[in-house]
């Protein structure tokens, strides 16, 4: 009986770990011309797709008092913006090359991606 309980517990633990690390997938949001990204415990959505060679407006609205989220850094576009609380900050992008570009907070703890296609 002990072997059955240990085996079942082990299988459930493996399934739980697999679900936690590999099961949760956030879909990439599609942005055509403008969108708002909520900064609250991270970026929501944290992954989005924008069109190549078109001007896209992205508005970041910070609702989290965490000082790490005060700064937004998009290294590939040489953008660093201060995000004050409850104040929309607009960023305009016109990417020329397709690819995946990363952005992060000032301390590089919270991350997101911009997919250009």
PDB file of N, CA and C in Angstrom:
ATOM      1  N   UNK A   1       0.816  -1.191   0.000  1.00  0.00           N
ATOM      2  CA  UNK A   1       0.000   0.000   0.000  1.00  0.00           C
ATOM      3  C   UNK A   1       0.866   1.265   0.000  1.00  0.00           C
ATOM      4  N   UNK A   2       1.971   1.238   0.756  1.00  0.00           N
ATOM      5  CA  UNK A   2       2.869   2.390   0.815  1.00  0.00           C
ATOM      6  C   UNK A   2       3.464   2.694  -0.556  1.00  0.00           C
ATOM      7  N   UNK A   3       3.803   1.658  -1.305  1.00  0.00           N
ATOM      8  CA  UNK A   3       4.389   1.842  -2.633  1.00  0.00           C
ATOM      9  C   UNK A   3       3.393   2.513  -3.589  1.00  0.00           C
ATOM     10  N   UNK A   4       2.137   2.169  -3.482  1.00  0.00           N
ATOM     11  CA  UNK A   4       1.099   2.759  -4.341  1.00  0.00           C
ATOM     12  C   UNK A   4       0.943   4.243  -4.016  1.00  0.00           C
ATOM     13  N   UNK A   5       0.901   4.582  -2.745  1.00  0.00           N
ATOM     14  CA  UNK A   5       0.758   5.988  -2.332  1.00  0.00           C
ATOM     15  C   UNK A   5       1.960   6.802  -2.790  1.00  0.00           C
ATOM     16  N   UNK A   6       3.165   6.274  -2.605  1.00  0.00           N
ATOM     17  CA  UNK A   6       4.375   6.980  -3.024  1.00  0.00           C
ATOM     18  C   UNK A   6       4.404   7.145  -4.543  1.00  0.00           C
ATOM     19  N   UNK A   7       4.010   6.125  -5.288  1.00  0.00           N
ATOM     20  CA  UNK A   7       3.988   6.201  -6.750  1.00  0.00           C
ATOM     21  C   UNK A   7       2.986   7.245  -7.237  1.00  0.00           C
ATOM     22  N   UNK A   8       1.795   7.235  -6.690  1.00  0.00           N
ATOM     23  CA  UNK A   8       0.759   8.204  -7.083  1.00  0.00           C
ATOM     24  C   UNK A   8       1.205   9.629  -6.734  1.00  0.00           C
ATOM     25  N   UNK A   9       1.772   9.810  -5.553  1.00  0.00           N
ATOM     26  CA  UNK A   9       2.266  11.128  -5.146  1.00  0.00           C
ATOM     27  C   UNK A   9       3.375  11.602  -6.085  1.00  0.00           C
ATOM     28  N   UNK A  10       4.268  10.723  -6.450  1.00  0.00           N
ATOM     29  CA  UNK A  10       5.347  11.064  -7.378  1.00  0.00           C
ATOM     30  C   UNK A  10       4.827  11.478  -8.747  1.00  0.00           C
ATOM     31  N   UNK A  11       3.868  10.712  -9.276  1.00  0.00           N
ATOM     32  CA  UNK A  11       3.289  11.030 -10.584  1.00  0.00           C
ATOM     33  C   UNK A  11       2.565  12.376 -10.542  1.00  0.00           C
ATOM     34  N   UNK A  12       1.792  12.618  -9.483  1.00  0.00           N
ATOM     35  CA  UNK A  12       1.097  13.902  -9.355  1.00  0.00           C
ATOM     36  C   UNK A  12       2.071  15.068  -9.215  1.00  0.00           C
ATOM     37  N   UNK A  13       3.173  14.851  -8.514  1.00  0.00           N
ATOM     38  CA  UNK A  13       4.192  15.893  -8.382  1.00  0.00           C
ATOM     39  C   UNK A  13       4.836  16.211  -9.727  1.00  0.00           C
ATOM     40  N   UNK A  14       5.149  15.192 -10.490  1.00  0.00           N
ATOM     41  CA  UNK A  14       5.739  15.391 -11.822  1.00  0.00           C
ATOM     42  C   UNK A  14       4.772  16.139 -12.725  1.00  0.00           C
ATOM     43  N   UNK A  15       3.502  15.768 -12.711  1.00  0.00           N
ATOM     44  CA  UNK A  15       2.506  16.460 -13.528  1.00  0.00           C
ATOM     45  C   UNK A  15       2.346  17.919 -13.104  1.00  0.00           C
ATOM     46  N   UNK A  16       2.356  18.170 -11.800  1.00  0.00           N
ATOM     47  CA  UNK A  16       2.247  19.540 -11.303  1.00  0.00           C
ATOM     48  C   UNK A  16       3.426  20.401 -11.723  1.00  0.00           C
ATOM     49  N   UNK A  17       4.615  19.856 -11.638  1.00  0.00           N
ATOM     50  CA  UNK A  17       5.810  20.592 -12.048  1.00  0.00           C
ATOM     51  C   UNK A  17       5.781  20.856 -13.543  1.00  0.00           C
ATOM     52  N   UNK A  18       5.407  19.864 -14.322  1.00  0.00           N
ATOM     53  CA  UNK A  18       5.324  20.031 -15.775  1.00  0.00           C
ATOM     54  C   UNK A  18       4.316  21.125 -16.116  1.00  0.00           C
ATOM     55  N   UNK A  19       3.144  21.109 -15.503  1.00  0.00           N
ATOM     56  CA  UNK A  19       2.130  22.119 -15.783  1.00  0.00           C
ATOM     57  C   UNK A  19       2.621  23.514 -15.406  1.00  0.00           C
ATOM     58  N   UNK A  20       3.280  23.637 -14.238  1.00  0.00           N
ATOM     59  CA  UNK A  20       3.735  24.937 -13.766  1.00  0.00           C
ATOM     60  C   UNK A  20       4.746  25.561 -14.718  1.00  0.00           C
ATOM     61  N   UNK A  21       5.719  24.782 -15.186  1.00  0.00           N
ATOM     62  CA  UNK A  21       6.779  25.341 -16.020  1.00  0.00           C
ATOM     63  C   UNK A  21       6.455  25.348 -17.509  1.00  0.00           C
ATOM     64  N   UNK A  22       5.709  24.370 -17.980  1.00  0.00           N
ATOM     65  CA  UNK A  22       5.493  24.247 -19.421  1.00  0.00           C
ATOM     66  C   UNK A  22       4.045  24.408 -19.860  1.00  0.00           C
ATOM     67  N   UNK A  23       3.104  24.324 -18.939  1.00  0.00           N
ATOM     68  CA  UNK A  23       1.692  24.331 -19.313  1.00  0.00           C
ATOM     69  C   UNK A  23       1.100  25.714 -19.505  1.00  0.00           C
ATOM     70  N   UNK A  24       1.610  26.708 -18.770  1.00  0.00           N
ATOM     71  CA  UNK A  24       1.052  28.042 -18.852  1.00  0.00           C
ATOM     72  C   UNK A  24       1.721  28.798 -20.002  1.00  0.00           C
ATOM     73  N   UNK A  25       0.994  29.051 -21.054  1.00  0.00           N
ATOM     74  CA  UNK A  25       1.510  29.800 -22.193  1.00  0.00           C
ATOM     75  C   UNK A  25       0.607  30.994 -22.438  1.00  0.00           C
ATOM     76  N   UNK A  26       1.199  32.163 -22.443  1.00  0.00           N
ATOM     77  CA  UNK A  26       0.436  33.354 -22.754  1.00  0.00           C
ATOM     78  C   UNK A  26       0.499  33.576 -24.252  1.00  0.00           C
ATOM     79  N   UNK A  27      -0.629  33.826 -24.842  1.00  0.00           N
ATOM     80  CA  UNK A  27      -0.660  34.056 -26.274  1.00  0.00           C
ATOM     81  C   UNK A  27      -0.124  35.443 -26.590  1.00  0.00           C
ATOM     82  N   UNK A  28       0.398  35.579 -27.787  1.00  0.00           N
ATOM     83  CA  UNK A  28       0.909  36.846 -28.248  1.00  0.00           C
ATOM     84  C   UNK A  28      -0.248  37.702 -28.739  1.00  0.00           C
ATOM     85  N   UNK A  29      -0.342  38.930 -28.210  1.00  0.00           N
ATOM     86  CA  UNK A  29      -1.406  39.844 -28.621  1.00  0.00           C
ATOM     87  C   UNK A  29      -1.022  40.497 -29.943  1.00  0.00           C
ATOM     88  N   UNK A  30      -1.984  40.668 -30.813  1.00  0.00           N
ATOM     89  CA  UNK A  30      -1.766  41.294 -32.120  1.00  0.00           C
ATOM     90  C   UNK A  30      -2.121  42.774 -32.008  1.00  0.00           C
ATOM     91  N   UNK A  31      -1.169  43.654 -32.363  1.00  0.00           N
ATOM     92  CA  UNK A  31      -1.405  45.095 -32.338  1.00  0.00           C
ATOM     93  C   UNK A  31      -1.272  45.613 -33.762  1.00  0.00           C
ATOM     94  N   UNK A  32      -2.305  46.275 -34.257  1.00  0.00           N
ATOM     95  CA  UNK A  32      -2.240  46.785 -35.626  1.00  0.00           C
ATOM     96  C   UNK A  32      -1.755  48.233 -35.664  1.00  0.00           C
ATOM     97  N   UNK A  33      -2.334  49.113 -34.838  1.00  0.00           N
ATOM     98  CA  UNK A  33      -1.890  50.501 -34.872  1.00  0.00           C
ATOM     99  C   UNK A  33      -1.658  51.091 -33.478  1.00  0.00           C
ATOM    100  N   UNK A  34      -2.438  50.655 -32.487  1.00  0.00           N
ATOM    101  CA  UNK A  34      -2.267  51.184 -31.129  1.00  0.00           C
ATOM    102  C   UNK A  34      -2.771  50.183 -30.101  1.00  0.00           C
ATOM    103  N   UNK A  35      -2.146  50.213 -28.914  1.00  0.00           N
ATOM    104  CA  UNK A  35      -2.573  49.331 -27.821  1.00  0.00           C
ATOM    105  C   UNK A  35      -2.052  49.868 -26.505  1.00  0.00           C
ATOM    106  N   UNK A  36      -2.679  49.414 -25.428  1.00  0.00           N
ATOM    107  CA  UNK A  36      -2.255  49.793 -24.085  1.00  0.00           C
ATOM    108  C   UNK A  36      -1.710  48.564 -23.372  1.00  0.00           C
ATOM    109  N   UNK A  37      -0.543  48.716 -22.790  1.00  0.00           N
ATOM    110  CA  UNK A  37       0.092  47.661 -22.003  1.00  0.00           C
ATOM    111  C   UNK A  37      -0.022  48.088 -20.541  1.00  0.00           C
ATOM    112  N   UNK A  38      -0.628  47.248 -19.724  1.00  0.00           N
ATOM    113  CA  UNK A  38      -0.771  47.529 -18.299  1.00  0.00           C
ATOM    114  C   UNK A  38       0.470  47.003 -17.577  1.00  0.00           C
ATOM    115  N   UNK A  39       1.081  47.865 -16.776  1.00  0.00           N
ATOM    116  CA  UNK A  39       2.264  47.490 -16.001  1.00  0.00           C
ATOM    117  C   UNK A  39       1.804  47.300 -14.556  1.00  0.00           C
ATOM    118  N   UNK A  40       1.554  46.040 -14.206  1.00  0.00           N
ATOM    119  CA  UNK A  40       1.040  45.699 -12.883  1.00  0.00           C
ATOM    120  C   UNK A  40       1.527  44.303 -12.523  1.00  0.00           C
ATOM    121  N   UNK A  41       2.617  44.227 -11.774  1.00  0.00           N
ATOM    122  CA  UNK A  41       3.209  42.932 -11.457  1.00  0.00           C
ATOM    123  C   UNK A  41       3.869  42.320 -12.677  1.00  0.00           C
ATOM    124  N   UNK A  42       4.250  43.121 -13.618  1.00  0.00           N
ATOM    125  CA  UNK A  42       4.798  42.701 -14.905  1.00  0.00           C
ATOM    126  C   UNK A  42       4.078  43.458 -16.007  1.00  0.00           C
ATOM    127  N   UNK A  43       4.210  42.977 -17.214  1.00  0.00           N
ATOM    128  CA  UNK A  43       3.596  43.621 -18.373  1.00  0.00           C
ATOM    129  C   UNK A  43       2.452  42.756 -18.877  1.00  0.00           C
ATOM    130  N   UNK A  44       1.284  43.372 -19.096  1.00  0.00           N
ATOM    131  CA  UNK A  44       0.113  42.617 -19.540  1.00  0.00           C
ATOM    132  C   UNK A  44      -0.485  43.284 -20.758  1.00  0.00           C
ATOM    133  N   UNK A  45      -0.421  42.685 -21.925  1.00  0.00           N
ATOM    134  CA  UNK A  45       0.257  41.428 -22.234  1.00  0.00           C
ATOM    135  C   UNK A  45       1.771  41.631 -22.280  1.00  0.00           C
ATOM    136  N   UNK A  46       2.482  40.572 -21.987  1.00  0.00           N
ATOM    137  CA  UNK A  46       3.938  40.691 -21.984  1.00  0.00           C
ATOM    138  C   UNK A  46       4.553  40.328 -23.328  1.00  0.00           C
ATOM    139  N   UNK A  47       3.743  39.828 -24.230  1.00  0.00           N
ATOM    140  CA  UNK A  47       4.219  39.481 -25.565  1.00  0.00           C
ATOM    141  C   UNK A  47       3.190  39.975 -26.583  1.00  0.00           C
ATOM    142  N   UNK A  48       3.668  40.739 -27.548  1.00  0.00           N
ATOM    143  CA  UNK A  48       2.748  41.225 -28.569  1.00  0.00           C
ATOM    144  C   UNK A  48       3.444  41.328 -29.919  1.00  0.00           C
ATOM    145  N   UNK A  49       2.637  41.342 -30.958  1.00  0.00           N
ATOM    146  CA  UNK A  49       3.131  41.356 -32.333  1.00  0.00           C
ATOM    147  C   UNK A  49       2.698  42.653 -33.003  1.00  0.00           C
ATOM    148  N   UNK A  50       3.659  43.313 -33.677  1.00  0.00           N
ATOM    149  CA  UNK A  50       3.353  44.536 -34.403  1.00  0.00           C
ATOM    150  C   UNK A  50       3.811  44.383 -35.850  1.00  0.00           C
ATOM    151  N   UNK A  51       3.207  45.157 -36.772  1.00  0.00           N
ATOM    152  CA  UNK A  51       3.587  45.027 -38.186  1.00  0.00           C
ATOM    153  C   UNK A  51       4.896  45.744 -38.508  1.00  0.00           C
ATOM    154  N   UNK A  52       5.617  45.198 -39.463  1.00  0.00           N
ATOM    155  CA  UNK A  52       6.865  45.781 -39.939  1.00  0.00           C
ATOM    156  C   UNK A  52       6.550  46.969 -40.845  1.00  0.00           C
ATOM    157  N   UNK A  53       7.389  48.000 -40.813  1.00  0.00           N
ATOM    158  CA  UNK A  53       7.293  49.193 -41.667  1.00  0.00           C
ATOM    159  C   UNK A  53       6.004  49.985 -41.476  1.00  0.00           C
ATOM    160  N   UNK A  54       5.337  49.825 -40.344  1.00  0.00           N
ATOM    161  CA  UNK A  54       4.149  50.614 -40.019  1.00  0.00           C
ATOM    162  C   UNK A  54       4.361  51.239 -38.652  1.00  0.00           C
ATOM    163  N   UNK A  55       3.860  52.431 -38.485  1.00  0.00           N
ATOM    164  CA  UNK A  55       3.974  53.103 -37.201  1.00  0.00           C
ATOM    165  C   UNK A  55       2.951  52.529 -36.232  1.00  0.00           C
ATOM    166  N   UNK A  56       3.437  52.108 -35.082  1.00  0.00           N
ATOM    167  CA  UNK A  56       2.587  51.524 -34.045  1.00  0.00           C
ATOM    168  C   UNK A  56       2.768  52.320 -32.762  1.00  0.00           C
ATOM    169  N   UNK A  57       1.658  52.666 -32.134  1.00  0.00           N
ATOM    170  CA  UNK A  57       1.682  53.399 -30.878  1.00  0.00           C
ATOM    171  C   UNK A  57       1.373  52.430 -29.734  1.00  0.00           C
ATOM    172  N   UNK A  58       2.275  52.403 -28.765  1.00  0.00           N
ATOM    173  CA  UNK A  58       2.095  51.543 -27.597  1.00  0.00           C
ATOM    174  C   UNK A  58       2.059  52.445 -26.369  1.00  0.00           C
ATOM    175  N   UNK A  59       0.990  52.314 -25.593  1.00  0.00           N
ATOM    176  CA  UNK A  59       0.819  53.119 -24.394  1.00  0.00           C
ATOM    177  C   UNK A  59       1.051  52.222 -23.180  1.00  0.00           C
ATOM    178  N   UNK A  60       2.000  52.616 -22.352  1.00  0.00           N
ATOM    179  CA  UNK A  60       2.290  51.875 -21.121  1.00  0.00           C
ATOM    180  C   UNK A  60       1.640  52.618 -19.959  1.00  0.00           C
ATOM    181  N   UNK A  61       0.833  51.902 -19.185  1.00  0.00           N
ATOM    182  CA  UNK A  61       0.135  52.479 -18.039  1.00  0.00           C
ATOM    183  C   UNK A  61       0.535  51.705 -16.787  1.00  0.00           C
ATOM    184  N   UNK A  62       1.318  52.348 -15.930  1.00  0.00           N
ATOM    185  CA  UNK A  62       1.832  51.693 -14.722  1.00  0.00           C
ATOM    186  C   UNK A  62       0.846  51.832 -13.572  1.00  0.00           C
ATOM    187  N   UNK A  63       0.461  50.672 -13.006  1.00  0.00           N
ATOM    188  CA  UNK A  63      -0.456  50.630 -11.870  1.00  0.00           C
ATOM    189  C   UNK A  63       0.186  50.013 -10.635  1.00  0.00           C
ATOM    190  N   UNK A  64       1.424  49.570 -10.767  1.00  0.00           N
ATOM    191  CA  UNK A  64       2.136  48.890  -9.688  1.00  0.00           C
ATOM    192  C   UNK A  64       3.157  49.848  -9.074  1.00  0.00           C
ATOM    193  N   UNK A  65       3.161  49.949  -7.753  1.00  0.00           N
ATOM    194  CA  UNK A  65       4.082  50.838  -7.064  1.00  0.00           C
ATOM    195  C   UNK A  65       5.502  50.329  -6.945  1.00  0.00           C
ATOM    196  N   UNK A  66       5.769  49.142  -7.450  1.00  0.00           N
ATOM    197  CA  UNK A  66       7.107  48.562  -7.399  1.00  0.00           C
ATOM    198  C   UNK A  66       8.085  49.490  -8.130  1.00  0.00           C
ATOM    199  N   UNK A  67       9.145  49.918  -7.438  1.00  0.00           N
ATOM    200  CA  UNK A  67      10.098  50.854  -8.049  1.00  0.00           C
ATOM    201  C   UNK A  67      10.860  50.250  -9.215  1.00  0.00           C
ATOM    202  N   UNK A  68      10.946  48.944  -9.266  1.00  0.00           N
ATOM    203  CA  UNK A  68      11.613  48.284 -10.390  1.00  0.00           C
ATOM    204  C   UNK A  68      10.892  48.587 -11.701  1.00  0.00           C
ATOM    205  N   UNK A  69       9.573  48.724 -11.649  1.00  0.00           N
ATOM    206  CA  UNK A  69       8.786  48.944 -12.860  1.00  0.00           C
ATOM    207  C   UNK A  69       8.713  50.417 -13.269  1.00  0.00           C
ATOM    208  N   UNK A  70       9.466  51.290 -12.589  1.00  0.00           N
ATOM    209  CA  UNK A  70       9.466  52.706 -12.944  1.00  0.00           C
ATOM    210  C   UNK A  70      10.069  52.963 -14.313  1.00  0.00           C
ATOM    211  N   UNK A  71      11.021  52.167 -14.704  1.00  0.00           N
ATOM    212  CA  UNK A  71      11.698  52.377 -15.984  1.00  0.00           C
ATOM    213  C   UNK A  71      11.347  51.277 -16.964  1.00  0.00           C
ATOM    214  N   UNK A  72      11.171  51.659 -18.211  1.00  0.00           N
ATOM    215  CA  UNK A  72      10.952  50.728 -19.309  1.00  0.00           C
ATOM    216  C   UNK A  72      12.138  50.854 -20.251  1.00  0.00           C
ATOM    217  N   UNK A  73      12.754  49.732 -20.575  1.00  0.00           N
ATOM    218  CA  UNK A  73      13.925  49.744 -21.446  1.00  0.00           C
ATOM    219  C   UNK A  73      13.681  48.795 -22.616  1.00  0.00           C
ATOM    220  N   UNK A  74      13.822  49.334 -23.824  1.00  0.00           N
ATOM    221  CA  UNK A  74      13.751  48.535 -25.052  1.00  0.00           C
ATOM    222  C   UNK A  74      15.103  48.735 -25.737  1.00  0.00           C
ATOM    223  N   UNK A  75      16.095  47.878 -25.441  1.00  0.00           N
ATOM    224  CA  UNK A  75      17.467  48.106 -25.896  1.00  0.00           C
ATOM    225  C   UNK A  75      17.636  48.196 -27.413  1.00  0.00           C
ATOM    226  N   UNK A  76      16.953  47.349 -28.175  1.00  0.00           N
ATOM    227  CA  UNK A  76      17.149  47.321 -29.622  1.00  0.00           C
ATOM    228  C   UNK A  76      16.666  48.595 -30.312  1.00  0.00           C
ATOM    229  N   UNK A  77      15.738  49.305 -29.678  1.00  0.00           N
ATOM    230  CA  UNK A  77      15.242  50.560 -30.237  1.00  0.00           C
ATOM    231  C   UNK A  77      15.817  51.778 -29.502  1.00  0.00           C
ATOM    232  N   UNK A  78      16.764  51.516 -28.584  1.00  0.00           N
ATOM    233  CA  UNK A  78      17.409  52.558 -27.792  1.00  0.00           C
ATOM    234  C   UNK A  78      16.389  53.450 -27.081  1.00  0.00           C
ATOM    235  N   UNK A  79      15.431  52.791 -26.422  1.00  0.00           N
ATOM    236  CA  UNK A  79      14.375  53.498 -25.704  1.00  0.00           C
ATOM    237  C   UNK A  79      14.505  53.217 -24.210  1.00  0.00           C
ATOM    238  N   UNK A  80      14.499  54.292 -23.432  1.00  0.00           N
ATOM    239  CA  UNK A  80      14.431  54.188 -21.969  1.00  0.00           C
ATOM    240  C   UNK A  80      13.459  55.265 -21.521  1.00  0.00           C
ATOM    241  N   UNK A  81      12.356  54.834 -20.908  1.00  0.00           N
ATOM    242  CA  UNK A  81      11.306  55.757 -20.491  1.00  0.00           C
ATOM    243  C   UNK A  81      10.997  55.565 -19.016  1.00  0.00           C
ATOM    244  N   UNK A  82      10.716  56.668 -18.347  1.00  0.00           N
ATOM    245  CA  UNK A  82      10.242  56.642 -16.976  1.00  0.00           C
ATOM    246  C   UNK A  82       8.723  56.485 -17.024  1.00  0.00           C
ATOM    247  N   UNK A  83       8.188  55.559 -16.226  1.00  0.00           N
ATOM    248  CA  UNK A  83       6.745  55.307 -16.189  1.00  0.00           C
ATOM    249  C   UNK A  83       6.185  55.776 -14.850  1.00  0.00           C
ATOM    250  N   UNK A  84       5.631  56.999 -14.788  1.00  0.00           N
ATOM    251  CA  UNK A  84       5.025  57.447 -13.536  1.00  0.00           C
ATOM    252  C   UNK A  84       3.729  56.686 -13.253  1.00  0.00           C
ATOM    253  N   UNK A  85       3.349  56.630 -11.998  1.00  0.00           N
ATOM    254  CA  UNK A  85       2.131  55.909 -11.605  1.00  0.00           C
ATOM    255  C   UNK A  85       0.896  56.533 -12.244  1.00  0.00           C
ATOM    256  N   UNK A  86       0.021  55.692 -12.777  1.00  0.00           N
ATOM    257  CA  UNK A  86      -1.287  56.063 -13.316  1.00  0.00           C
ATOM    258  C   UNK A  86      -1.224  57.159 -14.388  1.00  0.00           C
ATOM    259  N   UNK A  87      -0.098  57.247 -15.092  1.00  0.00           N
ATOM    260  CA  UNK A  87       0.046  58.228 -16.159  1.00  0.00           C
ATOM    261  C   UNK A  87       0.462  57.496 -17.431  1.00  0.00           C
ATOM    262  N   UNK A  88      -0.336  57.588 -18.489  1.00  0.00           N
ATOM    263  CA  UNK A  88       0.022  56.897 -19.725  1.00  0.00           C
ATOM    264  C   UNK A  88       1.301  57.473 -20.348  1.00  0.00           C
ATOM    265  N   UNK A  89       2.173  56.575 -20.781  1.00  0.00           N
ATOM    266  CA  UNK A  89       3.394  56.957 -21.475  1.00  0.00           C
ATOM    267  C   UNK A  89       3.336  56.325 -22.862  1.00  0.00           C
ATOM    268  N   UNK A  90       3.419  57.170 -23.882  1.00  0.00           N
ATOM    269  CA  UNK A  90       3.281  56.708 -25.260  1.00  0.00           C
ATOM    270  C   UNK A  90       4.640  56.499 -25.902  1.00  0.00           C
ATOM    271  N   UNK A  91       4.772  55.354 -26.571  1.00  0.00           N
ATOM    272  CA  UNK A  91       5.970  55.030 -27.340  1.00  0.00           C
ATOM    273  C   UNK A  91       5.518  54.709 -28.756  1.00  0.00           C
ATOM    274  N   UNK A  92       6.198  55.292 -29.731  1.00  0.00           N
ATOM    275  CA  UNK A  92       5.870  55.043 -31.131  1.00  0.00           C
ATOM    276  C   UNK A  92       7.019  54.265 -31.762  1.00  0.00           C
ATOM    277  N   UNK A  93       6.684  53.141 -32.382  1.00  0.00           N
ATOM    278  CA  UNK A  93       7.677  52.295 -33.037  1.00  0.00           C
ATOM    279  C   UNK A  93       7.357  52.165 -34.526  1.00  0.00           C
ATOM    280  N   UNK A  94       8.403  52.192 -35.348  1.00  0.00           N
ATOM    281  CA  UNK A  94       8.285  51.928 -36.786  1.00  0.00           C
ATOM    282  C   UNK A  94       9.415  50.979 -37.176  1.00  0.00           C
ATOM    283  N   UNK A  95       9.313  49.716 -36.769  1.00  0.00           N
ATOM    284  CA  UNK A  95      10.426  48.784 -37.004  1.00  0.00           C
ATOM    285  C   UNK A  95      10.619  48.475 -38.486  1.00  0.00           C
ATOM    286  N   UNK A  96      11.872  48.449 -38.884  1.00  0.00           N
ATOM    287  CA  UNK A  96      12.218  48.177 -40.287  1.00  0.00           C
ATOM    288  C   UNK A  96      12.526  46.705 -40.540  1.00  0.00           C
ATOM    289  N   UNK A  97      13.019  46.012 -39.509  1.00  0.00           N
ATOM    290  CA  UNK A  97      13.407  44.607 -39.670  1.00  0.00           C
ATOM    291  C   UNK A  97      12.496  43.693 -38.865  1.00  0.00           C
ATOM    292  N   UNK A  98      12.114  42.546 -39.434  1.00  0.00           N
ATOM    293  CA  UNK A  98      11.351  41.579 -38.648  1.00  0.00           C
ATOM    294  C   UNK A  98      12.248  40.923 -37.597  1.00  0.00           C
ATOM    295  N   UNK A  99      11.625  40.434 -36.553  1.00  0.00           N
ATOM    296  CA  UNK A  99      12.381  39.755 -35.506  1.00  0.00           C
ATOM    297  C   UNK A  99      11.666  39.848 -34.181  1.00  0.00           C
ATOM    298  N   UNK A 100      12.317  39.338 -33.157  1.00  0.00           N
ATOM    299  CA  UNK A 100      11.784  39.387 -31.802  1.00  0.00           C
ATOM    300  C   UNK A 100      12.701  40.282 -30.986  1.00  0.00           C
ATOM    301  N   UNK A 101      12.099  41.310 -30.391  1.00  0.00           N
ATOM    302  CA  UNK A 101      12.836  42.295 -29.616  1.00  0.00           C
ATOM    303  C   UNK A 101      12.348  42.241 -28.170  1.00  0.00           C
ATOM    304  N   UNK A 102      13.281  42.280 -27.243  1.00  0.00           N
ATOM    305  CA  UNK A 102      12.951  42.174 -25.823  1.00  0.00           C
ATOM    306  C   UNK A 102      12.860  43.551 -25.185  1.00  0.00           C
ATOM    307  N   UNK A 103      12.026  43.649 -24.158  1.00  0.00           N
ATOM    308  CA  UNK A 103      12.011  44.837 -23.322  1.00  0.00           C
ATOM    309  C   UNK A 103      11.956  44.377 -21.872  1.00  0.00           C
ATOM    310  N   UNK A 104      12.350  45.268 -20.962  1.00  0.00           N
ATOM    311  CA  UNK A 104      12.404  44.893 -19.555  1.00  0.00           C
ATOM    312  C   UNK A 104      12.322  46.130 -18.672  1.00  0.00           C
ATOM    313  N   UNK A 105      12.199  45.873 -17.377  1.00  0.00           N
ATOM    314  CA  UNK A 105      12.146  46.958 -16.392  1.00  0.00           C
ATOM    315  C   UNK A 105      13.563  47.446 -16.115  1.00  0.00           C
ATOM    316  N   UNK A 106      13.675  48.444 -15.267  1.00  0.00           N
ATOM    317  CA  UNK A 106      14.972  49.025 -14.960  1.00  0.00           C
ATOM    318  C   UNK A 106      15.954  48.077 -14.309  1.00  0.00           C
ATOM    319  N   UNK A 107      15.467  47.111 -13.547  1.00  0.00           N
ATOM    320  CA  UNK A 107      16.344  46.151 -12.868  1.00  0.00           C
ATOM    321  C   UNK A 107      16.443  44.826 -13.617  1.00  0.00           C
ATOM    322  N   UNK A 108      15.828  44.752 -14.788  1.00  0.00           N
ATOM    323  CA  UNK A 108      15.864  43.549 -15.635  1.00  0.00           C
ATOM    324  C   UNK A 108      15.225  42.338 -14.940  1.00  0.00           C
ATOM    325  N   UNK A 109      14.177  42.597 -14.147  1.00  0.00           N
ATOM    326  CA  UNK A 109      13.484  41.516 -13.450  1.00  0.00           C
ATOM    327  C   UNK A 109      12.192  41.116 -14.164  1.00  0.00           C
ATOM    328  N   UNK A 110      11.526  42.068 -14.787  1.00  0.00           N
ATOM    329  CA  UNK A 110      10.284  41.811 -15.519  1.00  0.00           C
ATOM    330  C   UNK A 110      10.578  41.983 -17.006  1.00  0.00           C
ATOM    331  N   UNK A 111      10.097  41.038 -17.808  1.00  0.00           N
ATOM    332  CA  UNK A 111      10.441  41.014 -19.224  1.00  0.00           C
ATOM    333  C   UNK A 111       9.203  40.929 -20.113  1.00  0.00           C
ATOM    334  N   UNK A 112       9.410  41.296 -21.356  1.00  0.00           N
ATOM    335  CA  UNK A 112       8.386  41.154 -22.369  1.00  0.00           C
ATOM    336  C   UNK A 112       9.049  41.081 -23.734  1.00  0.00           C
ATOM    337  N   UNK A 113       8.250  40.738 -24.753  1.00  0.00           N
ATOM    338  CA  UNK A 113       8.794  40.644 -26.111  1.00  0.00           C
ATOM    339  C   UNK A 113       7.872  41.352 -27.104  1.00  0.00           C
ATOM    340  N   UNK A 114       8.518  41.928 -28.110  1.00  0.00           N
ATOM    341  CA  UNK A 114       7.818  42.537 -29.229  1.00  0.00           C
ATOM    342  C   UNK A 114       8.216  41.747 -30.465  1.00  0.00           C
ATOM    343  N   UNK A 115       7.230  41.158 -31.120  1.00  0.00           N
ATOM    344  CA  UNK A 115       7.498  40.404 -32.343  1.00  0.00           C
ATOM    345  C   UNK A 115       7.114  41.291 -33.535  1.00  0.00           C
ATOM    346  N   UNK A 116       8.052  41.503 -34.418  1.00  0.00           N
ATOM    347  CA  UNK A 116       7.807  42.302 -35.622  1.00  0.00           C
ATOM    348  C   UNK A 116       7.716  41.360 -36.794  1.00  0.00           C
ATOM    349  N   UNK A 117       6.574  41.417 -37.499  1.00  0.00           N
ATOM    350  CA  UNK A 117       6.369  40.528 -38.643  1.00  0.00           C
ATOM    351  C   UNK A 117       5.742  41.303 -39.796  1.00  0.00           C
TER     352      UNK A 117
END
